[in-house]
Amino acid sequence: MNRVVTYLSKAILVFGSLVILMTIAWDLIFPGRIYYCTDEIGFDFLSPGDWVHGEFDIVSDVAVTTSRTMSEPDVLLEGWTIGSLWMVWGCMFLSSFSLALFLARYRWLSSGGNPGDQDGQKQRG
């Protein structure tokens, strides 16, 4: 039972850290470059599917449209679709989840014994 709790604790810690990292990466890469939402509040990775609303315009350069008012439609870069945004978001989310499960399997800190001791226990001779 203790191993399960330790494993889950480490997985949740790593996953939370990776979600924060992915949120920062998403906010640096996508809004204003791939799409522009007129009523965005940031942290778009944490609200999947809320990237563009209703009818939206397809444009060749999102950067020139970032001064739109809320009465104008959102924009999406030419060549991108809502489905492709979902695919990128899903890959980022699943890679965070998978990496968290993978890294949680390994011991992070030594158990405090002398080098060469197994599991921190002194070997008796």
C-alpha atoms as a PDB file:
ATOM      1  CA  MET A   1       0.000   0.000   0.000  1.00  0.00           C
ATOM      2  CA  ASN A   2       2.850   2.379   0.838  1.00  0.00           C
ATOM      3  CA  ARG A   3       4.401   1.870  -2.611  1.00  0.00           C
ATOM      4  CA  VAL A   4       1.111   2.682  -4.338  1.00  0.00           C
ATOM      5  CA  VAL A   5       0.709   5.899  -2.350  1.00  0.00           C
ATOM      6  CA  THR A   6       4.333   6.865  -3.062  1.00  0.00           C
ATOM      7  CA  TYR A   7       3.936   6.103  -6.764  1.00  0.00           C
ATOM      8  CA  LEU A   8       0.690   8.065  -7.065  1.00  0.00           C
ATOM      9  CA  SER A   9       2.114  10.993  -5.082  1.00  0.00           C
ATOM     10  CA  LYS A  10       5.147  11.218  -7.338  1.00  0.00           C
ATOM     11  CA  ALA A  11       3.019  10.856 -10.476  1.00  0.00           C
ATOM     12  CA  ILE A  12       0.670  13.649  -9.375  1.00  0.00           C
ATOM     13  CA  LEU A  13       3.602  15.904  -8.485  1.00  0.00           C
ATOM     14  CA  VAL A  14       5.312  15.345 -11.832  1.00  0.00           C
ATOM     15  CA  PHE A  15       2.055  15.647 -13.779  1.00  0.00           C
ATOM     16  CA  GLY A  16       1.185  18.932 -12.065  1.00  0.00           C
ATOM     17  CA  SER A  17       4.646  20.292 -12.826  1.00  0.00           C
ATOM     18  CA  LEU A  18       4.403  19.230 -16.456  1.00  0.00           C
ATOM     19  CA  VAL A  19       0.936  20.773 -16.836  1.00  0.00           C
ATOM     20  CA  ILE A  20       2.335  24.072 -15.580  1.00  0.00           C
ATOM     21  CA  LEU A  21       5.189  23.755 -18.087  1.00  0.00           C
ATOM     22  CA  MET A  22       2.775  22.889 -20.921  1.00  0.00           C
ATOM     23  CA  THR A  23       0.528  25.832 -20.001  1.00  0.00           C
ATOM     24  CA  ILE A  24       3.470  28.209 -20.250  1.00  0.00           C
ATOM     25  CA  ALA A  25       4.581  26.631 -23.542  1.00  0.00           C
ATOM     26  CA  TRP A  26       1.046  26.814 -24.989  1.00  0.00           C
ATOM     27  CA  ASP A  27       0.671  30.466 -24.032  1.00  0.00           C
ATOM     28  CA  LEU A  28       4.039  31.301 -25.627  1.00  0.00           C
ATOM     29  CA  ILE A  29       3.395  29.404 -28.868  1.00  0.00           C
ATOM     30  CA  PHE A  30      -0.278  29.472 -29.831  1.00  0.00           C
ATOM     31  CA  PRO A  31      -2.277  32.587 -28.833  1.00  0.00           C
ATOM     32  CA  GLY A  32      -1.427  35.486 -31.142  1.00  0.00           C
ATOM     33  CA  ARG A  33       0.448  33.228 -33.561  1.00  0.00           C
ATOM     34  CA  ILE A  34      -1.874  30.346 -34.460  1.00  0.00           C
ATOM     35  CA  TYR A  35      -5.173  31.787 -33.237  1.00  0.00           C
ATOM     36  CA  TYR A  36      -6.496  34.932 -31.647  1.00  0.00           C
ATOM     37  CA  CYS A  37      -9.475  34.979 -29.331  1.00  0.00           C
ATOM     38  CA  THR A  38     -10.930  38.426 -28.693  1.00  0.00           C
ATOM     39  CA  ASP A  39     -11.975  37.546 -25.129  1.00  0.00           C
ATOM     40  CA  GLU A  40      -9.070  35.383 -24.032  1.00  0.00           C
ATOM     41  CA  ILE A  41      -7.975  35.484 -20.402  1.00  0.00           C
ATOM     42  CA  GLY A  42      -4.798  33.386 -20.669  1.00  0.00           C
ATOM     43  CA  PHE A  43      -4.011  29.881 -19.467  1.00  0.00           C
ATOM     44  CA  ASP A  44      -5.579  28.494 -22.661  1.00  0.00           C
ATOM     45  CA  PHE A  45      -4.023  25.058 -22.164  1.00  0.00           C
ATOM     46  CA  LEU A  46      -6.182  24.651 -19.058  1.00  0.00           C
ATOM     47  CA  SER A  47      -9.403  25.377 -20.976  1.00  0.00           C
ATOM     48  CA  PRO A  48      -9.214  23.109 -24.029  1.00  0.00           C
ATOM     49  CA  GLY A  49     -11.587  23.820 -26.876  1.00  0.00           C
ATOM     50  CA  ASP A  50     -12.152  27.408 -25.766  1.00  0.00           C
ATOM     51  CA  TRP A  51      -9.547  28.790 -28.146  1.00  0.00           C
ATOM     52  CA  VAL A  52     -11.850  30.368 -30.729  1.00  0.00           C
ATOM     53  CA  HIS A  53     -15.587  30.920 -30.407  1.00  0.00           C
ATOM     54  CA  GLY A  54     -18.494  30.727 -32.821  1.00  0.00           C
ATOM     55  CA  GLU A  55     -17.709  31.890 -36.317  1.00  0.00           C
ATOM     56  CA  PHE A  56     -14.076  32.763 -36.883  1.00  0.00           C
ATOM     57  CA  ASP A  57     -12.005  34.134 -39.731  1.00  0.00           C
ATOM     58  CA  ILE A  58      -9.160  32.256 -41.420  1.00  0.00           C
ATOM     59  CA  VAL A  59      -6.201  34.607 -41.898  1.00  0.00           C
ATOM     60  CA  SER A  60      -2.685  34.328 -43.279  1.00  0.00           C
ATOM     61  CA  ASP A  61      -1.135  36.342 -40.420  1.00  0.00           C
ATOM     62  CA  VAL A  62      -2.674  36.294 -36.956  1.00  0.00           C
ATOM     63  CA  ALA A  63      -0.313  38.962 -35.593  1.00  0.00           C
ATOM     64  CA  VAL A  64      -1.950  41.762 -37.621  1.00  0.00           C
ATOM     65  CA  THR A  65      -5.379  40.940 -36.184  1.00  0.00           C
ATOM     66  CA  THR A  66      -4.544  41.031 -32.475  1.00  0.00           C
ATOM     67  CA  SER A  67      -6.161  44.436 -31.964  1.00  0.00           C
ATOM     68  CA  ARG A  68      -9.689  43.267 -32.724  1.00  0.00           C
ATOM     69  CA  THR A  69     -12.616  44.181 -30.525  1.00  0.00           C
ATOM     70  CA  MET A  70     -14.880  41.603 -28.919  1.00  0.00           C
ATOM     71  CA  SER A  71     -17.584  42.335 -31.496  1.00  0.00           C
ATOM     72  CA  GLU A  72     -15.338  41.016 -34.278  1.00  0.00           C
ATOM     73  CA  PRO A  73     -14.868  37.277 -34.867  1.00  0.00           C
ATOM     74  CA  ASP A  74     -11.900  35.329 -33.556  1.00  0.00           C
ATOM     75  CA  VAL A  75      -9.208  34.311 -36.041  1.00  0.00           C
ATOM     76  CA  LEU A  76      -7.333  31.134 -36.880  1.00  0.00           C
ATOM     77  CA  LEU A  77      -4.163  30.865 -38.944  1.00  0.00           C
ATOM     78  CA  GLU A  78      -4.541  29.530 -42.447  1.00  0.00           C
ATOM     79  CA  GLY A  79      -3.753  25.787 -42.525  1.00  0.00           C
ATOM     80  CA  TRP A  80      -4.912  25.199 -38.939  1.00  0.00           C
ATOM     81  CA  THR A  81      -8.267  23.833 -37.807  1.00  0.00           C
ATOM     82  CA  ILE A  82      -9.965  23.384 -34.460  1.00  0.00           C
ATOM     83  CA  GLY A  83      -9.228  19.669 -34.880  1.00  0.00           C
ATOM     84  CA  SER A  84      -5.511  20.293 -35.321  1.00  0.00           C
ATOM     85  CA  LEU A  85      -5.464  22.441 -32.163  1.00  0.00           C
ATOM     86  CA  TRP A  86      -7.196  19.586 -30.327  1.00  0.00           C
ATOM     87  CA  MET A  87      -4.614  17.146 -31.694  1.00  0.00           C
ATOM     88  CA  VAL A  88      -1.689  19.265 -30.475  1.00  0.00           C
ATOM     89  CA  TRP A  89      -3.366  19.778 -27.091  1.00  0.00           C
ATOM     90  CA  GLY A  90      -4.022  16.032 -26.783  1.00  0.00           C
ATOM     91  CA  CYS A  91      -0.411  15.177 -27.629  1.00  0.00           C
ATOM     92  CA  MET A  92       0.857  17.661 -25.042  1.00  0.00           C
ATOM     93  CA  PHE A  93      -1.552  16.384 -22.382  1.00  0.00           C
ATOM     94  CA  LEU A  94      -0.902  12.692 -23.050  1.00  0.00           C
ATOM     95  CA  SER A  95       2.859  13.182 -23.173  1.00  0.00           C
ATOM     96  CA  SER A  96       2.677  14.952 -19.774  1.00  0.00           C
ATOM     97  CA  PHE A  97       0.576  12.143 -18.344  1.00  0.00           C
ATOM     98  CA  SER A  98       2.773   9.384 -19.788  1.00  0.00           C
ATOM     99  CA  LEU A  99       5.994  11.028 -18.675  1.00  0.00           C
ATOM    100  CA  ALA A 100       4.593  11.501 -15.160  1.00  0.00           C
ATOM    101  CA  LEU A 101       3.703   7.796 -14.921  1.00  0.00           C
ATOM    102  CA  PHE A 102       7.119   6.828 -16.279  1.00  0.00           C
ATOM    103  CA  LEU A 103       9.136   9.076 -13.958  1.00  0.00           C
ATOM    104  CA  ALA A 104       7.117   8.079 -10.893  1.00  0.00           C
ATOM    105  CA  ARG A 105       8.474   4.528 -11.201  1.00  0.00           C
ATOM    106  CA  TYR A 106      12.013   5.557 -10.290  1.00  0.00           C
ATOM    107  CA  ARG A 107      13.522   6.344  -6.909  1.00  0.00           C
ATOM    108  CA  TRP A 108      14.199  10.064  -6.707  1.00  0.00           C
ATOM    109  CA  LEU A 109      16.293  10.244  -3.561  1.00  0.00           C
ATOM    110  CA  SER A 110      18.632   7.759  -2.000  1.00  0.00           C
ATOM    111  CA  SER A 111      17.486   6.201   1.232  1.00  0.00           C
ATOM    112  CA  GLY A 112      20.407   7.670   3.178  1.00  0.00           C
ATOM    113  CA  GLY A 113      22.746   4.691   3.590  1.00  0.00           C
ATOM    114  CA  ASN A 114      26.423   4.422   2.833  1.00  0.00           C
ATOM    115  CA  PRO A 115      27.397   3.991  -0.793  1.00  0.00           C
ATOM    116  CA  GLY A 116      27.185   0.331  -1.648  1.00  0.00           C
ATOM    117  CA  ASP A 117      24.601  -0.442   1.021  1.00  0.00           C
ATOM    118  CA  GLN A 118      21.460  -2.023  -0.294  1.00  0.00           C
ATOM    119  CA  ASP A 119      18.266  -0.098   0.547  1.00  0.00           C
ATOM    120  CA  GLY A 120      20.089   1.960   3.174  1.00  0.00           C
ATOM    121  CA  GLN A 121      20.759  -1.070   5.412  1.00  0.00           C
ATOM    122  CA  LYS A 122      24.262  -1.843   6.572  1.00  0.00           C
ATOM    123  CA  GLN A 123      25.445  -5.162   5.385  1.00  0.00           C
ATOM    124  CA  ARG A 124      26.716  -7.405   8.111  1.00  0.00           C
ATOM    125  CA  GLY A 125      29.672  -9.586   7.502  1.00  0.00           C
END
